[in-house]
Amino acid sequence: MTRWKLIVEYDGSGFSGWQRQAHAFSAQQALEDAVFAFSGERVTLHVAGRTDTGVHARANVAHMDLEKKTDGETVRDAVNYHLRPHHVSVLAAEEVSEEFHARFDARWRSYRYRILCRRAPPALEAGRVWHVRKALDVEAMREAAAILIGHHDFSTFRASACQANSPMRTLDQLDIWLDEEREEVVLATRARSFLYHQVRNMVGTLALVGGGQWTLDDFREAFAACDRRAGGPTAPAQGLAFWEVGYDSSA
């Protein structure tokens, strides 16, 4: 038995999220079915970050165990062959120790969110950005984002369906910049773990500040309330991408 670490990317538009479900098609199911077609083995993929319906992944990490004797290039190419025509791809496959776990060994996870700020709707980037029809004040958003850095109670940005034992999280990064050429505001965030819908709820609330509906004090008071009802809207799924996972150098 060999344990394989896979780096995968996918367009979340065609999937009901990462996790296999009884009555909907998921990225996990597409990958596990492709592995079966290649190896004849039914595997369970364990992933670093379980994404929601419509959320994309640039470099998510999963692991699986195979009895079949093979090599990394063959795993990558054979699984990708059987993944067609689904918009999911194995970028790399690497043999790892049987102690490696894609989820539990992850030291941090990062996401990026893209907001297209222009009057015209997206055509080429439809399904990959949140379309906002006016410019956002990036500097005001940065000031509000700075309040969130560190170890806090993130209940204001925690979805009601969240099953985490605690709302306490440590946010290591929340950078915001304007890509003038693409007319996009980009938010990049990193933490060891996130609450359910935390990133999208933070983005939706920060957009209120950027759009002038909320002041910095409004944002600060909402965060201090530790109550989801005090926060802003949940930003759409299509603007979000699971960006990267960090492991110890030995993983």
Protein backbone atom coordinates (compact mmCIF):
# COMPACT_ATOMS: atom_id res chain seq x y z
CA MET A 1 0.00 0.00 0.00
CA THR A 2 1.33 3.42 -1.00
CA ARG A 3 0.08 6.81 0.16
CA TRP A 4 -0.10 9.48 -2.54
CA LYS A 5 -0.24 13.23 -2.05
CA LEU A 6 -2.15 14.98 -4.85
CA ILE A 7 -2.20 18.67 -5.70
CA VAL A 8 -5.49 19.43 -7.44
CA GLU A 9 -7.18 22.38 -9.08
CA TYR A 10 -10.80 22.67 -10.13
CA ASP A 11 -13.44 25.03 -11.36
CA GLY A 12 -16.12 24.88 -8.69
CA SER A 13 -18.91 25.98 -11.05
CA GLY A 14 -19.77 22.43 -12.06
CA PHE A 15 -19.56 20.83 -8.62
CA SER A 16 -21.63 20.79 -5.46
CA GLY A 17 -18.46 21.57 -3.54
CA TRP A 18 -15.60 19.25 -2.68
CA GLN A 19 -17.33 16.64 -0.50
CA ARG A 20 -19.03 13.57 -1.95
CA GLN A 21 -22.82 13.74 -1.60
CA ALA A 22 -25.64 11.29 -2.21
CA HIS A 23 -27.66 13.40 -4.63
CA ALA A 24 -25.15 15.84 -6.18
CA PHE A 25 -21.89 15.64 -8.12
CA SER A 26 -18.76 16.79 -6.29
CA ALA A 27 -15.07 17.27 -7.05
CA GLN A 28 -14.27 14.44 -4.64
CA GLN A 29 -16.55 12.05 -6.52
CA ALA A 30 -15.05 13.02 -9.88
CA LEU A 31 -11.54 12.31 -8.60
CA GLU A 32 -12.40 9.09 -6.78
CA ASP A 33 -14.23 7.76 -9.84
CA ALA A 34 -11.22 8.61 -12.01
CA VAL A 35 -8.89 6.79 -9.61
CA PHE A 36 -11.15 3.72 -9.78
CA ALA A 37 -11.16 3.82 -13.57
CA PHE A 38 -7.36 3.90 -13.55
CA SER A 39 -6.60 1.44 -10.75
CA GLY A 40 -9.73 -0.64 -10.12
CA GLU A 41 -9.56 0.45 -6.47
CA ARG A 42 -12.20 2.33 -4.50
CA VAL A 43 -10.36 5.01 -2.55
CA THR A 44 -11.33 7.80 -0.18
CA LEU A 45 -9.61 11.11 -0.76
CA HIS A 46 -8.84 13.20 2.32
CA VAL A 47 -8.45 16.90 1.50
CA ALA A 48 -6.84 19.89 3.19
CA GLY A 49 -9.75 22.24 2.46
CA ARG A 50 -13.36 21.25 1.78
CA THR A 51 -14.82 23.89 -0.53
CA ASP A 52 -18.49 24.84 -0.98
CA THR A 53 -20.61 24.76 -4.11
CA GLY A 54 -19.18 27.16 -6.69
CA VAL A 55 -15.86 27.75 -4.89
CA HIS A 56 -12.73 27.08 -6.94
CA ALA A 57 -9.36 25.60 -6.01
CA ARG A 58 -5.95 26.56 -7.34
CA ALA A 59 -3.78 24.14 -5.32
CA ASN A 60 -5.78 22.08 -2.88
CA VAL A 61 -4.04 19.02 -1.43
CA ALA A 62 -5.51 15.55 -0.96
CA HIS A 63 -4.14 12.13 -0.12
CA MET A 64 -5.18 8.56 -0.89
CA ASP A 65 -3.85 5.02 -0.46
CA LEU A 66 -3.32 2.69 -3.44
CA GLU A 67 -2.27 -0.94 -3.59
CA LYS A 68 -1.41 -0.65 -7.28
CA LYS A 69 2.31 -0.34 -7.96
CA THR A 70 2.88 2.81 -9.99
CA ASP A 71 4.71 6.15 -10.01
CA GLY A 72 3.75 9.78 -9.57
CA GLU A 73 3.69 10.74 -13.24
CA THR A 74 1.47 7.77 -14.06
CA VAL A 75 -0.93 8.57 -11.23
CA ARG A 76 -1.19 12.19 -12.39
CA ASP A 77 -1.62 11.43 -16.09
CA ALA A 78 -3.92 8.41 -15.72
CA VAL A 79 -6.26 10.13 -13.28
CA ASN A 80 -6.38 13.23 -15.49
CA TYR A 81 -7.21 11.06 -18.50
CA HIS A 82 -10.24 9.63 -16.73
CA LEU A 83 -11.31 13.01 -15.33
CA ARG A 84 -12.26 14.31 -18.76
CA PRO A 85 -14.48 16.27 -19.43
CA HIS A 86 -14.78 17.51 -15.82
CA HIS A 87 -12.99 20.74 -14.95
CA VAL A 88 -10.71 19.24 -12.32
CA SER A 89 -7.04 18.37 -12.73
CA VAL A 90 -4.29 16.66 -10.77
CA LEU A 91 -1.27 18.97 -11.03
CA ALA A 92 1.15 16.64 -9.24
CA ALA A 93 1.20 13.26 -7.49
CA GLU A 94 3.90 12.41 -4.95
CA GLU A 95 4.54 9.31 -2.86
CA VAL A 96 4.56 10.24 0.84
CA SER A 97 4.88 8.59 4.22
CA GLU A 98 1.88 6.62 5.45
CA GLU A 99 1.76 9.04 8.40
CA PHE A 100 1.03 12.03 6.13
CA HIS A 101 -2.49 13.44 6.35
CA ALA A 102 -3.57 16.19 3.95
CA ARG A 103 -5.96 17.77 6.43
CA PHE A 104 -4.46 17.24 9.86
CA ASP A 105 -0.84 18.00 8.87
CA ALA A 106 -1.69 21.33 7.22
CA ARG A 107 -0.04 24.25 9.02
CA TRP A 108 -2.02 26.92 7.19
CA ARG A 109 -4.53 27.43 4.39
CA SER A 110 -4.95 30.45 2.15
CA TYR A 111 -7.79 31.80 0.02
CA ARG A 112 -8.16 34.58 -2.53
CA TYR A 113 -11.30 36.48 -3.38
CA ARG A 114 -11.78 38.59 -6.53
CA ILE A 115 -14.24 41.47 -6.89
CA LEU A 116 -14.73 42.91 -10.37
CA CYS A 117 -15.51 46.63 -10.01
CA ARG A 118 -16.98 48.00 -13.25
CA ARG A 119 -20.33 48.75 -14.86
CA ALA A 120 -20.09 46.08 -17.56
CA PRO A 121 -20.72 42.47 -16.47
CA PRO A 122 -17.96 39.87 -16.88
CA ALA A 123 -17.85 37.65 -19.92
CA LEU A 124 -14.44 35.94 -19.84
CA GLU A 125 -14.40 35.82 -16.03
CA ALA A 126 -18.06 34.98 -15.47
CA GLY A 127 -18.34 32.51 -12.60
CA ARG A 128 -14.92 33.47 -11.21
CA VAL A 129 -15.51 36.96 -9.80
CA TRP A 130 -18.09 38.85 -7.75
CA HIS A 131 -19.38 41.62 -9.99
CA VAL A 132 -19.83 44.93 -8.15
CA ARG A 133 -20.93 47.80 -10.40
CA LYS A 134 -18.93 50.57 -8.72
CA ALA A 135 -15.43 51.26 -7.42
CA LEU A 136 -14.57 50.25 -3.86
CA ASP A 137 -12.41 52.23 -1.44
CA VAL A 138 -9.50 49.83 -1.01
CA GLU A 139 -7.77 51.90 1.66
CA ALA A 140 -10.91 51.90 3.83
CA MET A 141 -11.20 48.14 3.38
CA ARG A 142 -7.56 47.71 4.45
CA GLU A 143 -8.15 49.71 7.62
CA ALA A 144 -11.11 47.51 8.51
CA ALA A 145 -9.24 44.31 7.60
CA ALA A 146 -6.42 45.22 10.01
CA ILE A 147 -8.89 44.89 12.89
CA LEU A 148 -9.31 41.20 12.10
CA ILE A 149 -5.65 40.18 12.24
CA GLY A 150 -4.76 38.05 15.27
CA HIS A 151 -6.62 35.71 17.60
CA HIS A 152 -10.30 36.64 17.96
CA ASP A 153 -13.85 35.41 18.30
CA PHE A 154 -15.06 35.38 14.68
CA SER A 155 -18.73 34.68 15.45
CA THR A 156 -19.76 37.74 13.39
CA PHE A 157 -18.45 35.93 10.31
CA ARG A 158 -19.51 32.41 11.27
CA ALA A 159 -22.37 30.78 9.36
CA SER A 160 -25.18 29.29 11.41
CA ALA A 161 -24.46 25.83 9.98
CA CYS A 162 -20.83 25.90 11.20
CA GLN A 163 -19.97 22.77 13.21
CA ALA A 164 -16.67 24.00 14.67
CA ASN A 165 -16.35 23.57 18.43
CA SER A 166 -15.21 27.16 18.93
CA PRO A 167 -15.52 30.49 17.06
CA MET A 168 -11.97 31.42 18.10
CA ARG A 169 -9.54 31.61 15.19
CA THR A 170 -6.18 33.23 14.45
CA LEU A 171 -6.11 35.21 11.22
CA ASP A 172 -2.51 35.57 10.02
CA GLN A 173 -3.07 37.56 6.84
CA LEU A 174 -5.76 39.63 5.16
CA ASP A 175 -4.21 41.67 2.35
CA ILE A 176 -6.28 43.76 -0.06
CA TRP A 177 -5.11 45.41 -3.28
CA LEU A 178 -6.45 46.91 -6.47
CA ASP A 179 -5.50 45.33 -9.78
CA GLU A 180 -6.12 48.39 -11.96
CA GLU A 181 -5.59 46.61 -15.28
CA ARG A 182 -8.21 43.97 -14.46
CA GLU A 183 -10.44 46.43 -12.55
CA GLU A 184 -10.46 44.01 -9.63
CA VAL A 185 -10.13 44.28 -5.89
CA VAL A 186 -8.33 41.17 -4.62
CA LEU A 187 -8.38 39.90 -1.03
CA ALA A 188 -5.82 37.31 0.12
CA THR A 189 -6.19 35.68 3.52
CA ARG A 190 -4.37 32.96 5.46
CA ALA A 191 -4.95 31.07 8.70
CA ARG A 192 -4.45 27.62 10.11
CA SER A 193 -8.19 27.04 9.77
CA PHE A 194 -11.35 28.98 8.98
CA LEU A 195 -14.94 28.82 10.16
CA TYR A 196 -17.71 27.84 7.77
CA HIS A 197 -18.28 30.76 5.34
CA GLN A 198 -15.83 32.92 7.33
CA VAL A 199 -13.97 34.22 4.29
CA ARG A 200 -17.09 35.02 2.27
CA ASN A 201 -18.71 36.72 5.28
CA MET A 202 -15.60 38.81 5.91
CA VAL A 203 -15.50 39.85 2.25
CA GLY A 204 -19.19 40.74 2.17
CA THR A 205 -18.82 42.91 5.26
CA LEU A 206 -15.61 44.57 4.08
CA ALA A 207 -17.37 45.41 0.82
CA LEU A 208 -19.88 47.48 2.83
CA VAL A 209 -16.95 49.54 4.09
CA GLY A 210 -15.43 49.81 0.62
CA GLY A 211 -18.75 50.86 -0.84
CA GLY A 212 -19.34 53.59 1.73
CA GLN A 213 -22.39 51.99 3.37
CA TRP A 214 -20.45 51.37 6.60
CA THR A 215 -17.86 53.40 8.48
CA LEU A 216 -14.82 51.91 10.15
CA ASP A 217 -16.60 52.25 13.50
CA ASP A 218 -19.61 50.35 12.10
CA PHE A 219 -17.29 47.52 11.12
CA ARG A 220 -15.50 47.52 14.46
CA GLU A 221 -18.82 47.40 16.37
CA ALA A 222 -20.14 44.56 14.21
CA PHE A 223 -17.01 42.49 14.80
CA ALA A 224 -17.11 43.17 18.55
CA ALA A 225 -20.75 42.04 18.70
CA CYS A 226 -19.67 38.42 18.03
CA ASP A 227 -23.05 37.86 16.41
CA ARG A 228 -23.59 36.83 12.78
CA ARG A 229 -26.70 39.03 12.65
CA ALA A 230 -24.46 42.07 13.17
CA GLY A 231 -22.31 41.32 10.14
CA GLY A 232 -22.74 42.06 6.46
CA PRO A 233 -23.89 39.79 3.65
CA THR A 234 -22.20 36.60 2.51
CA ALA A 235 -20.21 37.29 -0.64
CA PRO A 236 -21.03 35.01 -3.60
CA ALA A 237 -19.16 31.73 -3.88
CA GLN A 238 -17.86 32.28 -7.41
CA GLY A 239 -15.35 34.94 -6.39
CA LEU A 240 -13.56 32.63 -3.95
CA ALA A 241 -10.67 30.27 -4.64
CA PHE A 242 -8.85 27.96 -2.26
CA TRP A 243 -5.32 29.13 -3.01
CA GLU A 244 -2.64 27.10 -1.22
CA VAL A 245 -1.81 24.84 1.72
CA GLY A 246 1.33 24.99 3.85
CA TYR A 247 3.03 21.98 5.47
CA ASP A 248 6.22 21.43 7.42
CA SER A 249 9.15 20.87 5.12
CA SER A 250 9.16 17.16 5.95
CA ALA A 251 5.53 16.65 4.83
